[in-house]
């Protein structure tokens, strides 16, 4: 019941955001502009986003294998794609739910899977930071958000990698967590494996490559309306808007990402109504496309995957 209520609130909030955007752009002008969009481009935009998802899935699978968690490709795709349904949680923190899905499938403990989800998300943010830095010369005020995120990430990396700092944190948590103290140690050990500098840098670069395809969505959406800006600028606008949405902790970055995309397009010379039209197309492909995939995959295959997973867990226990 609580989940349904949350979903209804998100839907109402999304509707309110897009109504306000329509009022701002003038509905008549917006409809007229949308009619001029080259809808044959829309398939191309979906292809770019799908490629981005495919690269991110490869990264996700590599992260799992690096801590000895192995799923067959069917189950792993189910977990990965189902996670998209959590995009509408603040900062996508709901993606930790993927850890519970893996537990249902093969019994893997959360103290190993949750760090994977967190690091997967962190490398996504790092990829967006790298892309944002390509165009920061266009908008120097945005450097403060990037610096803040880099400082937070650096602090987290230092805390995990430092024996002194992590030792004190673990000792403090052990006193408070009681019987769950061992889980804290396992989580820390998992984070250490995932945060080896060389591997972490490689995963962040893979994220950068993946997110660049969604930046191309922005570039070609603009072309679809008969407008043109450089790939560097469109990359900066999309990646920076995505970071702003993530930092805001608003579910799905709703309102924040849209406002940032539209506002920055206007800042660089695009008419208000056209900027809103571009924003709607971009967000439909980079936000709502994934959300629909996530919800569809989960509701279509949840029971079947879990039944199969339960059989595998029973077999493994019998062997032991």
C-alpha atoms as a PDB file:
ATOM      1  CA  UNK A   1       0.000   0.000   0.000  1.00  0.00           C
ATOM      2  CA  UNK A   2       2.847   2.369   0.930  1.00  0.00           C
ATOM      3  CA  UNK A   3       4.652   1.537  -2.340  1.00  0.00           C
ATOM      4  CA  UNK A   4       1.522   2.309  -4.366  1.00  0.00           C
ATOM      5  CA  UNK A   5       1.064   5.589  -2.513  1.00  0.00           C
ATOM      6  CA  UNK A   6       4.668   6.571  -3.259  1.00  0.00           C
ATOM      7  CA  UNK A   7       4.184   5.689  -6.946  1.00  0.00           C
ATOM      8  CA  UNK A   8       1.026   7.815  -7.146  1.00  0.00           C
ATOM      9  CA  UNK A   9       2.828  10.759  -5.543  1.00  0.00           C
ATOM     10  CA  UNK A  10       5.689  10.477  -8.055  1.00  0.00           C
ATOM     11  CA  UNK A  11       3.266  10.306 -10.984  1.00  0.00           C
ATOM     12  CA  UNK A  12       1.359  13.362  -9.730  1.00  0.00           C
ATOM     13  CA  UNK A  13       4.629  15.217  -9.165  1.00  0.00           C
ATOM     14  CA  UNK A  14       5.826  14.353 -12.689  1.00  0.00           C
ATOM     15  CA  UNK A  15       2.520  15.477 -14.196  1.00  0.00           C
ATOM     16  CA  UNK A  16       2.751  18.759 -12.254  1.00  0.00           C
ATOM     17  CA  UNK A  17       6.330  19.342 -13.483  1.00  0.00           C
ATOM     18  CA  UNK A  18       5.409  18.836 -17.127  1.00  0.00           C
ATOM     19  CA  UNK A  19       2.222  20.924 -16.846  1.00  0.00           C
ATOM     20  CA  UNK A  20       4.275  23.789 -15.420  1.00  0.00           C
ATOM     21  CA  UNK A  21       6.765  23.390 -18.262  1.00  0.00           C
ATOM     22  CA  UNK A  22       3.885  23.502 -20.738  1.00  0.00           C
ATOM     23  CA  UNK A  23       2.466  26.645 -19.150  1.00  0.00           C
ATOM     24  CA  UNK A  24       5.909  28.273 -19.219  1.00  0.00           C
ATOM     25  CA  UNK A  25       6.433  27.415 -22.901  1.00  0.00           C
ATOM     26  CA  UNK A  26       2.777  28.103 -23.845  1.00  0.00           C
ATOM     27  CA  UNK A  27       0.961  24.891 -24.764  1.00  0.00           C
ATOM     28  CA  UNK A  28       0.007  26.141 -28.225  1.00  0.00           C
ATOM     29  CA  UNK A  29       3.592  27.024 -29.124  1.00  0.00           C
ATOM     30  CA  UNK A  30       4.873  23.784 -27.585  1.00  0.00           C
ATOM     31  CA  UNK A  31       2.486  21.609 -29.637  1.00  0.00           C
ATOM     32  CA  UNK A  32       3.433  23.486 -32.797  1.00  0.00           C
ATOM     33  CA  UNK A  33       7.139  22.978 -32.125  1.00  0.00           C
ATOM     34  CA  UNK A  34       6.697  19.281 -31.280  1.00  0.00           C
ATOM     35  CA  UNK A  35       4.960  18.820 -34.652  1.00  0.00           C
ATOM     36  CA  UNK A  36       8.147  20.016 -36.343  1.00  0.00           C
ATOM     37  CA  UNK A  37      10.325  17.412 -34.602  1.00  0.00           C
ATOM     38  CA  UNK A  38      11.799  14.782 -36.907  1.00  0.00           C
ATOM     39  CA  UNK A  39      10.220  11.724 -35.290  1.00  0.00           C
ATOM     40  CA  UNK A  40      12.397   9.370 -37.331  1.00  0.00           C
ATOM     41  CA  UNK A  41      15.180  10.603 -35.020  1.00  0.00           C
ATOM     42  CA  UNK A  42      13.316   9.198 -32.017  1.00  0.00           C
ATOM     43  CA  UNK A  43      14.324   5.608 -32.861  1.00  0.00           C
ATOM     44  CA  UNK A  44      17.951   6.740 -33.065  1.00  0.00           C
ATOM     45  CA  UNK A  45      17.659   8.325 -29.619  1.00  0.00           C
ATOM     46  CA  UNK A  46      16.306   5.063 -28.175  1.00  0.00           C
ATOM     47  CA  UNK A  47      19.194   3.172 -29.801  1.00  0.00           C
ATOM     48  CA  UNK A  48      21.756   5.498 -28.177  1.00  0.00           C
ATOM     49  CA  UNK A  49      20.159   5.032 -24.746  1.00  0.00           C
ATOM     50  CA  UNK A  50      20.008   1.255 -25.218  1.00  0.00           C
ATOM     51  CA  UNK A  51      23.732   1.190 -26.077  1.00  0.00           C
ATOM     52  CA  UNK A  52      24.386   3.177 -22.899  1.00  0.00           C
ATOM     53  CA  UNK A  53      22.434   0.606 -20.877  1.00  0.00           C
ATOM     54  CA  UNK A  54      24.364  -2.254 -22.523  1.00  0.00           C
ATOM     55  CA  UNK A  55      27.731  -0.727 -21.572  1.00  0.00           C
ATOM     56  CA  UNK A  56      26.540  -0.083 -18.025  1.00  0.00           C
ATOM     57  CA  UNK A  57      25.392  -3.698 -17.799  1.00  0.00           C
ATOM     58  CA  UNK A  58      28.895  -4.848 -18.764  1.00  0.00           C
ATOM     59  CA  UNK A  59      30.310  -2.644 -16.000  1.00  0.00           C
ATOM     60  CA  UNK A  60      27.775  -4.005 -13.495  1.00  0.00           C
ATOM     61  CA  UNK A  61      28.685  -7.590 -14.426  1.00  0.00           C
ATOM     62  CA  UNK A  62      32.415  -6.854 -14.075  1.00  0.00           C
ATOM     63  CA  UNK A  63      31.812  -5.372 -10.621  1.00  0.00           C
ATOM     64  CA  UNK A  64      29.925  -8.493  -9.521  1.00  0.00           C
ATOM     65  CA  UNK A  65      32.623 -10.833 -10.837  1.00  0.00           C
ATOM     66  CA  UNK A  66      35.349  -8.809  -9.111  1.00  0.00           C
ATOM     67  CA  UNK A  67      33.860  -9.847  -5.739  1.00  0.00           C
ATOM     68  CA  UNK A  68      33.093 -13.422  -6.843  1.00  0.00           C
ATOM     69  CA  UNK A  69      29.355 -12.963  -7.369  1.00  0.00           C
ATOM     70  CA  UNK A  70      28.263 -14.825 -10.482  1.00  0.00           C
ATOM     71  CA  UNK A  71      24.806 -14.872 -12.048  1.00  0.00           C
ATOM     72  CA  UNK A  72      23.751 -16.368 -15.348  1.00  0.00           C
ATOM     73  CA  UNK A  73      23.044 -13.703 -17.962  1.00  0.00           C
ATOM     74  CA  UNK A  74      19.245 -14.112 -17.727  1.00  0.00           C
ATOM     75  CA  UNK A  75      19.161 -13.544 -13.964  1.00  0.00           C
ATOM     76  CA  UNK A  76      21.734 -10.770 -14.119  1.00  0.00           C
ATOM     77  CA  UNK A  77      19.800  -8.893 -16.819  1.00  0.00           C
ATOM     78  CA  UNK A  78      16.666  -9.250 -14.701  1.00  0.00           C
ATOM     79  CA  UNK A  79      18.419  -7.705 -11.682  1.00  0.00           C
ATOM     80  CA  UNK A  80      20.088  -4.945 -13.695  1.00  0.00           C
ATOM     81  CA  UNK A  81      17.021  -3.914 -15.678  1.00  0.00           C
ATOM     82  CA  UNK A  82      14.684  -4.189 -12.682  1.00  0.00           C
ATOM     83  CA  UNK A  83      16.932  -1.664 -10.966  1.00  0.00           C
ATOM     84  CA  UNK A  84      15.760   0.953 -13.476  1.00  0.00           C
ATOM     85  CA  UNK A  85      12.363   0.900 -11.771  1.00  0.00           C
ATOM     86  CA  UNK A  86      14.122   2.481  -8.774  1.00  0.00           C
ATOM     87  CA  UNK A  87      15.290   5.489 -10.787  1.00  0.00           C
ATOM     88  CA  UNK A  88      12.422   7.457  -9.229  1.00  0.00           C
ATOM     89  CA  UNK A  89      13.870   7.184  -5.712  1.00  0.00           C
ATOM     90  CA  UNK A  90      15.968  10.084  -4.295  1.00  0.00           C
ATOM     91  CA  UNK A  91      19.446   9.913  -5.833  1.00  0.00           C
ATOM     92  CA  UNK A  92      18.509   6.426  -7.116  1.00  0.00           C
ATOM     93  CA  UNK A  93      19.303   5.076  -3.642  1.00  0.00           C
ATOM     94  CA  UNK A  94      16.494   2.567  -4.182  1.00  0.00           C
ATOM     95  CA  UNK A  95      18.859   0.684  -6.482  1.00  0.00           C
ATOM     96  CA  UNK A  96      20.264  -1.062  -3.393  1.00  0.00           C
ATOM     97  CA  UNK A  97      17.125  -3.176  -3.859  1.00  0.00           C
ATOM     98  CA  UNK A  98      19.160  -5.045  -6.479  1.00  0.00           C
ATOM     99  CA  UNK A  99      21.027  -6.586  -3.574  1.00  0.00           C
ATOM    100  CA  UNK A 100      17.777  -8.115  -2.292  1.00  0.00           C
ATOM    101  CA  UNK A 101      16.960  -9.413  -5.769  1.00  0.00           C
ATOM    102  CA  UNK A 102      20.327 -11.173  -5.955  1.00  0.00           C
ATOM    103  CA  UNK A 103      19.736 -12.619  -2.494  1.00  0.00           C
ATOM    104  CA  UNK A 104      16.389 -14.025  -3.659  1.00  0.00           C
ATOM    105  CA  UNK A 105      18.066 -15.586  -6.692  1.00  0.00           C
ATOM    106  CA  UNK A 106      21.190 -17.195  -5.241  1.00  0.00           C
ATOM    107  CA  UNK A 107      21.216 -16.428  -1.516  1.00  0.00           C
ATOM    108  CA  UNK A 108      24.168 -14.022  -1.729  1.00  0.00           C
ATOM    109  CA  UNK A 109      24.489 -11.885   1.393  1.00  0.00           C
ATOM    110  CA  UNK A 110      23.709  -8.182   1.288  1.00  0.00           C
ATOM    111  CA  UNK A 111      27.064  -7.274   2.828  1.00  0.00           C
ATOM    112  CA  UNK A 112      28.628  -8.248  -0.515  1.00  0.00           C
ATOM    113  CA  UNK A 113      25.982  -7.056  -2.959  1.00  0.00           C
ATOM    114  CA  UNK A 114      25.122  -3.635  -1.499  1.00  0.00           C
ATOM    115  CA  UNK A 115      28.717  -2.338  -1.857  1.00  0.00           C
ATOM    116  CA  UNK A 116      28.591  -3.378  -5.521  1.00  0.00           C
ATOM    117  CA  UNK A 117      25.407  -1.342  -6.044  1.00  0.00           C
ATOM    118  CA  UNK A 118      26.950   1.662  -4.282  1.00  0.00           C
ATOM    119  CA  UNK A 119      30.181   1.522  -6.271  1.00  0.00           C
ATOM    120  CA  UNK A 120      28.266   1.064  -9.510  1.00  0.00           C
ATOM    121  CA  UNK A 121      26.360   4.246  -8.690  1.00  0.00           C
ATOM    122  CA  UNK A 122      29.513   6.131  -7.658  1.00  0.00           C
ATOM    123  CA  UNK A 123      31.267   5.301 -10.938  1.00  0.00           C
ATOM    124  CA  UNK A 124      28.157   6.524 -12.788  1.00  0.00           C
ATOM    125  CA  UNK A 125      28.536   9.865 -11.006  1.00  0.00           C
ATOM    126  CA  UNK A 126      32.271   9.912 -11.771  1.00  0.00           C
ATOM    127  CA  UNK A 127      31.510   9.336 -15.446  1.00  0.00           C
ATOM    128  CA  UNK A 128      29.131  12.300 -15.449  1.00  0.00           C
ATOM    129  CA  UNK A 129      31.737  14.432 -13.682  1.00  0.00           C
ATOM    130  CA  UNK A 130      34.343  13.599 -16.345  1.00  0.00           C
ATOM    131  CA  UNK A 131      31.862  14.536 -19.090  1.00  0.00           C
ATOM    132  CA  UNK A 132      30.848  17.752 -17.305  1.00  0.00           C
ATOM    133  CA  UNK A 133      34.480  18.804 -17.060  1.00  0.00           C
ATOM    134  CA  UNK A 134      34.726  18.764 -20.862  1.00  0.00           C
ATOM    135  CA  UNK A 135      32.451  21.777 -21.090  1.00  0.00           C
ATOM    136  CA  UNK A 136      32.887  23.573 -17.788  1.00  0.00           C
ATOM    137  CA  UNK A 137      34.532  26.458 -19.674  1.00  0.00           C
ATOM    138  CA  UNK A 138      31.031  27.311 -20.927  1.00  0.00           C
ATOM    139  CA  UNK A 139      29.597  27.760 -17.441  1.00  0.00           C
ATOM    140  CA  UNK A 140      32.140  28.323 -14.685  1.00  0.00           C
ATOM    141  CA  UNK A 141      29.498  28.610 -11.942  1.00  0.00           C
ATOM    142  CA  UNK A 142      28.865  24.880 -12.343  1.00  0.00           C
ATOM    143  CA  UNK A 143      32.374  24.071 -11.166  1.00  0.00           C
ATOM    144  CA  UNK A 144      31.225  24.257  -7.529  1.00  0.00           C
ATOM    145  CA  UNK A 145      28.923  21.238  -7.848  1.00  0.00           C
ATOM    146  CA  UNK A 146      31.690  19.250  -9.540  1.00  0.00           C
ATOM    147  CA  UNK A 147      34.237  20.195  -6.869  1.00  0.00           C
ATOM    148  CA  UNK A 148      31.768  19.261  -4.108  1.00  0.00           C
ATOM    149  CA  UNK A 149      31.141  15.830  -5.631  1.00  0.00           C
ATOM    150  CA  UNK A 150      34.860  15.227  -6.158  1.00  0.00           C
ATOM    151  CA  UNK A 151      35.562  16.134  -2.523  1.00  0.00           C
ATOM    152  CA  UNK A 152      32.831  13.777  -1.276  1.00  0.00           C
ATOM    153  CA  UNK A 153      34.118  10.950  -3.445  1.00  0.00           C
ATOM    154  CA  UNK A 154      37.746  11.587  -2.418  1.00  0.00           C
ATOM    155  CA  UNK A 155      36.751  11.590   1.253  1.00  0.00           C
ATOM    156  CA  UNK A 156      34.928   8.271   0.840  1.00  0.00           C
ATOM    157  CA  UNK A 157      37.900   6.748  -1.022  1.00  0.00           C
ATOM    158  CA  UNK A 158      40.373   7.898   1.629  1.00  0.00           C
ATOM    159  CA  UNK A 159      38.169   6.610   4.469  1.00  0.00           C
ATOM    160  CA  UNK A 160      37.871   3.153   2.902  1.00  0.00           C
ATOM    161  CA  UNK A 161      41.507   2.821   1.821  1.00  0.00           C
ATOM    162  CA  UNK A 162      43.045   4.201   5.037  1.00  0.00           C
ATOM    163  CA  UNK A 163      43.632   1.454   7.601  1.00  0.00           C
ATOM    164  CA  UNK A 164      43.614   3.996  10.441  1.00  0.00           C
ATOM    165  CA  UNK A 165      40.390   5.789   9.480  1.00  0.00           C
ATOM    166  CA  UNK A 166      38.481   2.673   8.410  1.00  0.00           C
ATOM    167  CA  UNK A 167      39.682   0.820  11.527  1.00  0.00           C
ATOM    168  CA  UNK A 168      38.266   3.506  13.813  1.00  0.00           C
ATOM    169  CA  UNK A 169      34.978   3.647  11.893  1.00  0.00           C
ATOM    170  CA  UNK A 170      34.614  -0.152  12.020  1.00  0.00           C
ATOM    171  CA  UNK A 171      35.408  -0.177  15.746  1.00  0.00           C
ATOM    172  CA  UNK A 172      32.760   2.487  16.381  1.00  0.00           C
ATOM    173  CA  UNK A 173      30.166   0.665  14.274  1.00  0.00           C
ATOM    174  CA  UNK A 174      30.943  -2.680  15.924  1.00  0.00           C
ATOM    175  CA  UNK A 175      30.006  -1.237  19.304  1.00  0.00           C
ATOM    176  CA  UNK A 176      26.693   0.007  17.933  1.00  0.00           C
ATOM    177  CA  UNK A 177      25.828  -2.860  15.588  1.00  0.00           C
ATOM    178  CA  UNK A 178      26.365  -5.744  18.016  1.00  0.00           C
ATOM    179  CA  UNK A 179      25.627  -9.058  16.260  1.00  0.00           C
ATOM    180  CA  UNK A 180      25.858  -7.353  12.847  1.00  0.00           C
ATOM    181  CA  UNK A 181      29.477  -6.297  13.410  1.00  0.00           C
ATOM    182  CA  UNK A 182      30.802  -9.062  11.158  1.00  0.00           C
ATOM    183  CA  UNK A 183      28.681  -7.723   8.302  1.00  0.00           C
ATOM    184  CA  UNK A 184      30.429  -4.359   8.620  1.00  0.00           C
ATOM    185  CA  UNK A 185      33.835  -6.019   8.224  1.00  0.00           C
ATOM    186  CA  UNK A 186      32.660  -7.953   5.168  1.00  0.00           C
ATOM    187  CA  UNK A 187      31.250  -4.794   3.596  1.00  0.00           C
ATOM    188  CA  UNK A 188      34.505  -2.959   4.199  1.00  0.00           C
ATOM    189  CA  UNK A 189      36.517  -5.821   2.678  1.00  0.00           C
ATOM    190  CA  UNK A 190      34.209  -5.767  -0.358  1.00  0.00           C
ATOM    191  CA  UNK A 191      34.579  -1.992  -0.735  1.00  0.00           C
ATOM    192  CA  UNK A 192      38.374  -2.385  -0.589  1.00  0.00           C
ATOM    193  CA  UNK A 193      38.296  -4.896  -3.443  1.00  0.00           C
ATOM    194  CA  UNK A 194      36.016  -2.680  -5.510  1.00  0.00           C
ATOM    195  CA  UNK A 195      37.981   0.511  -4.866  1.00  0.00           C
ATOM    196  CA  UNK A 196      41.426  -0.529  -6.040  1.00  0.00           C
ATOM    197  CA  UNK A 197      42.542   2.642  -7.892  1.00  0.00           C
ATOM    198  CA  UNK A 198      43.336   1.009 -11.217  1.00  0.00           C
ATOM    199  CA  UNK A 199      40.059  -0.904 -11.447  1.00  0.00           C
ATOM    200  CA  UNK A 200      38.028   2.013 -10.143  1.00  0.00           C
ATOM    201  CA  UNK A 201      39.485   4.350 -12.750  1.00  0.00           C
ATOM    202  CA  UNK A 202      38.755   1.813 -15.506  1.00  0.00           C
ATOM    203  CA  UNK A 203      35.146   1.423 -14.341  1.00  0.00           C
ATOM    204  CA  UNK A 204      34.714   5.204 -14.211  1.00  0.00           C
ATOM    205  CA  UNK A 205      35.985   5.472 -17.786  1.00  0.00           C
ATOM    206  CA  UNK A 206      33.526   2.757 -18.825  1.00  0.00           C
ATOM    207  CA  UNK A 207      30.763   4.818 -17.195  1.00  0.00           C
ATOM    208  CA  UNK A 208      31.969   7.908 -19.052  1.00  0.00           C
ATOM    209  CA  UNK A 209      31.732   6.033 -22.357  1.00  0.00           C
ATOM    210  CA  UNK A 210      28.232   4.771 -21.480  1.00  0.00           C
ATOM    211  CA  UNK A 211      26.877   8.167 -20.439  1.00  0.00           C
ATOM    212  CA  UNK A 212      28.331   9.795 -23.548  1.00  0.00           C
ATOM    213  CA  UNK A 213      25.730   7.909 -25.600  1.00  0.00           C
ATOM    214  CA  UNK A 214      22.989   9.582 -23.546  1.00  0.00           C
ATOM    215  CA  UNK A 215      24.701  12.919 -24.175  1.00  0.00           C
ATOM    216  CA  UNK A 216      24.369  12.074 -27.883  1.00  0.00           C
ATOM    217  CA  UNK A 217      20.619  11.807 -27.240  1.00  0.00           C
ATOM    218  CA  UNK A 218      20.692  15.483 -26.320  1.00  0.00           C
ATOM    219  CA  UNK A 219      22.760  16.405 -29.384  1.00  0.00           C
ATOM    220  CA  UNK A 220      20.525  14.582 -31.872  1.00  0.00           C
ATOM    221  CA  UNK A 221      17.312  15.693 -30.152  1.00  0.00           C
ATOM    222  CA  UNK A 222      18.435  19.279 -30.788  1.00  0.00           C
ATOM    223  CA  UNK A 223      19.175  18.410 -34.427  1.00  0.00           C
ATOM    224  CA  UNK A 224      15.710  16.862 -34.633  1.00  0.00           C
ATOM    225  CA  UNK A 225      14.220  20.281 -33.977  1.00  0.00           C
ATOM    226  CA  UNK A 226      16.344  21.859 -36.696  1.00  0.00           C
ATOM    227  CA  UNK A 227      18.719  23.487 -34.209  1.00  0.00           C
ATOM    228  CA  UNK A 228      22.428  22.910 -33.750  1.00  0.00           C
ATOM    229  CA  UNK A 229      25.020  23.213 -30.981  1.00  0.00           C
ATOM    230  CA  UNK A 230      28.412  21.563 -30.564  1.00  0.00           C
ATOM    231  CA  UNK A 231      28.673  18.013 -29.224  1.00  0.00           C
ATOM    232  CA  UNK A 232      30.894  19.348 -26.416  1.00  0.00           C
ATOM    233  CA  UNK A 233      28.241  21.811 -25.273  1.00  0.00           C
ATOM    234  CA  UNK A 234      25.375  19.311 -25.518  1.00  0.00           C
ATOM    235  CA  UNK A 235      27.508  16.801 -23.576  1.00  0.00           C
ATOM    236  CA  UNK A 236      28.132  19.366 -20.865  1.00  0.00           C
ATOM    237  CA  UNK A 237      24.472  20.403 -20.589  1.00  0.00           C
ATOM    238  CA  UNK A 238      23.156  16.845 -20.290  1.00  0.00           C
ATOM    239  CA  UNK A 239      25.828  15.559 -17.904  1.00  0.00           C
ATOM    240  CA  UNK A 240      25.683  18.675 -15.720  1.00  0.00           C
ATOM    241  CA  UNK A 241      21.874  18.536 -15.566  1.00  0.00           C
ATOM    242  CA  UNK A 242      22.065  14.846 -14.587  1.00  0.00           C
ATOM    243  CA  UNK A 243      24.514  15.691 -11.794  1.00  0.00           C
ATOM    244  CA  UNK A 244      22.277  18.523 -10.587  1.00  0.00           C
ATOM    245  CA  UNK A 245      19.330  16.121 -10.480  1.00  0.00           C
ATOM    246  CA  UNK A 246      21.359  13.545  -8.536  1.00  0.00           C
ATOM    247  CA  UNK A 247      22.706  16.068  -6.008  1.00  0.00           C
ATOM    248  CA  UNK A 248      19.213  17.459  -5.399  1.00  0.00           C
ATOM    249  CA  UNK A 249      18.050  14.023  -4.128  1.00  0.00           C
ATOM    250  CA  UNK A 250      14.676  14.732  -5.744  1.00  0.00           C
ATOM    251  CA  UNK A 251      13.213  11.444  -7.103  1.00  0.00           C
ATOM    252  CA  UNK A 252      14.486  11.007 -10.656  1.00  0.00           C
ATOM    253  CA  UNK A 253      15.844  14.554 -10.493  1.00  0.00           C
ATOM    254  CA  UNK A 254      12.318  15.571 -11.560  1.00  0.00           C
ATOM    255  CA  UNK A 255      12.030  19.289 -12.112  1.00  0.00           C
ATOM    256  CA  UNK A 256      15.712  19.882 -11.346  1.00  0.00           C
ATOM    257  CA  UNK A 257      17.158  18.094 -14.389  1.00  0.00           C
ATOM    258  CA  UNK A 258      14.378  19.426 -16.640  1.00  0.00           C
ATOM    259  CA  UNK A 259      14.845  22.969 -15.377  1.00  0.00           C
ATOM    260  CA  UNK A 260      18.626  22.758 -15.764  1.00  0.00           C
ATOM    261  CA  UNK A 261      18.465  21.423 -19.335  1.00  0.00           C
ATOM    262  CA  UNK A 262      15.874  23.982 -20.435  1.00  0.00           C
ATOM    263  CA  UNK A 263      17.542  26.842 -18.574  1.00  0.00           C
ATOM    264  CA  UNK A 264      21.004  26.140 -19.947  1.00  0.00           C
ATOM    265  CA  UNK A 265      19.711  25.749 -23.493  1.00  0.00           C
ATOM    266  CA  UNK A 266      18.135  29.201 -23.141  1.00  0.00           C
ATOM    267  CA  UNK A 267      21.350  30.533 -21.592  1.00  0.00           C
ATOM    268  CA  UNK A 268      23.142  29.485 -24.782  1.00  0.00           C
ATOM    269  CA  UNK A 269      20.576  31.041 -27.097  1.00  0.00           C
ATOM    270  CA  UNK A 270      17.696  28.565 -27.599  1.00  0.00           C
ATOM    271  CA  UNK A 271      14.134  29.939 -27.554  1.00  0.00           C
ATOM    272  CA  UNK A 272      12.152  29.049 -24.361  1.00  0.00           C
ATOM    273  CA  UNK A 273       9.463  26.949 -26.076  1.00  0.00           C
ATOM    274  CA  UNK A 274      12.060  25.052 -28.139  1.00  0.00           C
ATOM    275  CA  UNK A 275      14.205  24.399 -25.049  1.00  0.00           C
ATOM    276  CA  UNK A 276      11.192  22.909 -23.241  1.00  0.00           C
ATOM    277  CA  UNK A 277      10.352  20.724 -26.263  1.00  0.00           C
ATOM    278  CA  UNK A 278      13.958  19.453 -26.421  1.00  0.00           C
ATOM    279  CA  UNK A 279      13.900  18.755 -22.686  1.00  0.00           C
ATOM    280  CA  UNK A 280      10.703  16.702 -22.940  1.00  0.00           C
ATOM    281  CA  UNK A 281      12.131  14.556 -25.748  1.00  0.00           C
ATOM    282  CA  UNK A 282      15.461  14.045 -23.964  1.00  0.00           C
ATOM    283  CA  UNK A 283      13.899  13.103 -20.628  1.00  0.00           C
ATOM    284  CA  UNK A 284      11.363  10.779 -22.246  1.00  0.00           C
ATOM    285  CA  UNK A 285      14.267   8.796 -23.718  1.00  0.00           C
ATOM    286  CA  UNK A 286      16.811   9.017 -20.876  1.00  0.00           C
ATOM    287  CA  UNK A 287      14.446   8.792 -17.878  1.00  0.00           C
ATOM    288  CA  UNK A 288      11.027   7.383 -18.736  1.00  0.00           C
ATOM    289  CA  UNK A 289      12.261   4.799 -21.271  1.00  0.00           C
ATOM    290  CA  UNK A 290      14.417   3.166 -18.586  1.00  0.00           C
ATOM    291  CA  UNK A 291      11.699   3.415 -15.937  1.00  0.00           C
ATOM    292  CA  UNK A 292       9.189   1.649 -18.202  1.00  0.00           C
ATOM    293  CA  UNK A 293      11.748  -1.065 -19.031  1.00  0.00           C
ATOM    294  CA  UNK A 294      12.528  -1.588 -15.340  1.00  0.00           C
ATOM    295  CA  UNK A 295       8.900  -1.874 -14.240  1.00  0.00           C
ATOM    296  CA  UNK A 296       7.999  -4.113 -17.204  1.00  0.00           C
ATOM    297  CA  UNK A 297      10.899  -6.524 -16.663  1.00  0.00           C
ATOM    298  CA  UNK A 298      10.242  -6.782 -12.938  1.00  0.00           C
ATOM    299  CA  UNK A 299       6.503  -7.427 -13.152  1.00  0.00           C
ATOM    300  CA  UNK A 300       6.832  -9.809 -16.122  1.00  0.00           C
ATOM    301  CA  UNK A 301       9.667 -12.005 -14.832  1.00  0.00           C
ATOM    302  CA  UNK A 302       9.814 -11.529 -11.051  1.00  0.00           C
ATOM    303  CA  UNK A 303       7.953 -14.687 -10.033  1.00  0.00           C
ATOM    304  CA  UNK A 304       9.622 -16.891 -12.632  1.00  0.00           C
ATOM    305  CA  UNK A 305      13.141 -15.746 -11.726  1.00  0.00           C
ATOM    306  CA  UNK A 306      12.529 -16.094  -7.989  1.00  0.00           C
ATOM    307  CA  UNK A 307      11.097 -19.610  -8.366  1.00  0.00           C
ATOM    308  CA  UNK A 308      14.153 -20.607 -10.381  1.00  0.00           C
ATOM    309  CA  UNK A 309      16.432 -18.961  -7.823  1.00  0.00           C
ATOM    310  CA  UNK A 310      14.796 -20.753  -4.912  1.00  0.00           C
ATOM    311  CA  UNK A 311      15.364 -24.099  -6.627  1.00  0.00           C
ATOM    312  CA  UNK A 312      19.042 -23.261  -7.113  1.00  0.00           C
ATOM    313  CA  UNK A 313      19.431 -22.259  -3.452  1.00  0.00           C
ATOM    314  CA  UNK A 314      17.794 -25.515  -2.296  1.00  0.00           C
ATOM    315  CA  UNK A 315      20.101 -27.549  -4.554  1.00  0.00           C
ATOM    316  CA  UNK A 316      23.170 -25.722  -3.236  1.00  0.00           C
ATOM    317  CA  UNK A 317      22.098 -26.372   0.360  1.00  0.00           C
ATOM    318  CA  UNK A 318      21.515 -30.070  -0.392  1.00  0.00           C
ATOM    319  CA  UNK A 319      25.009 -30.371  -1.841  1.00  0.00           C
ATOM    320  CA  UNK A 320      26.465 -28.867   1.313  1.00  0.00           C
END
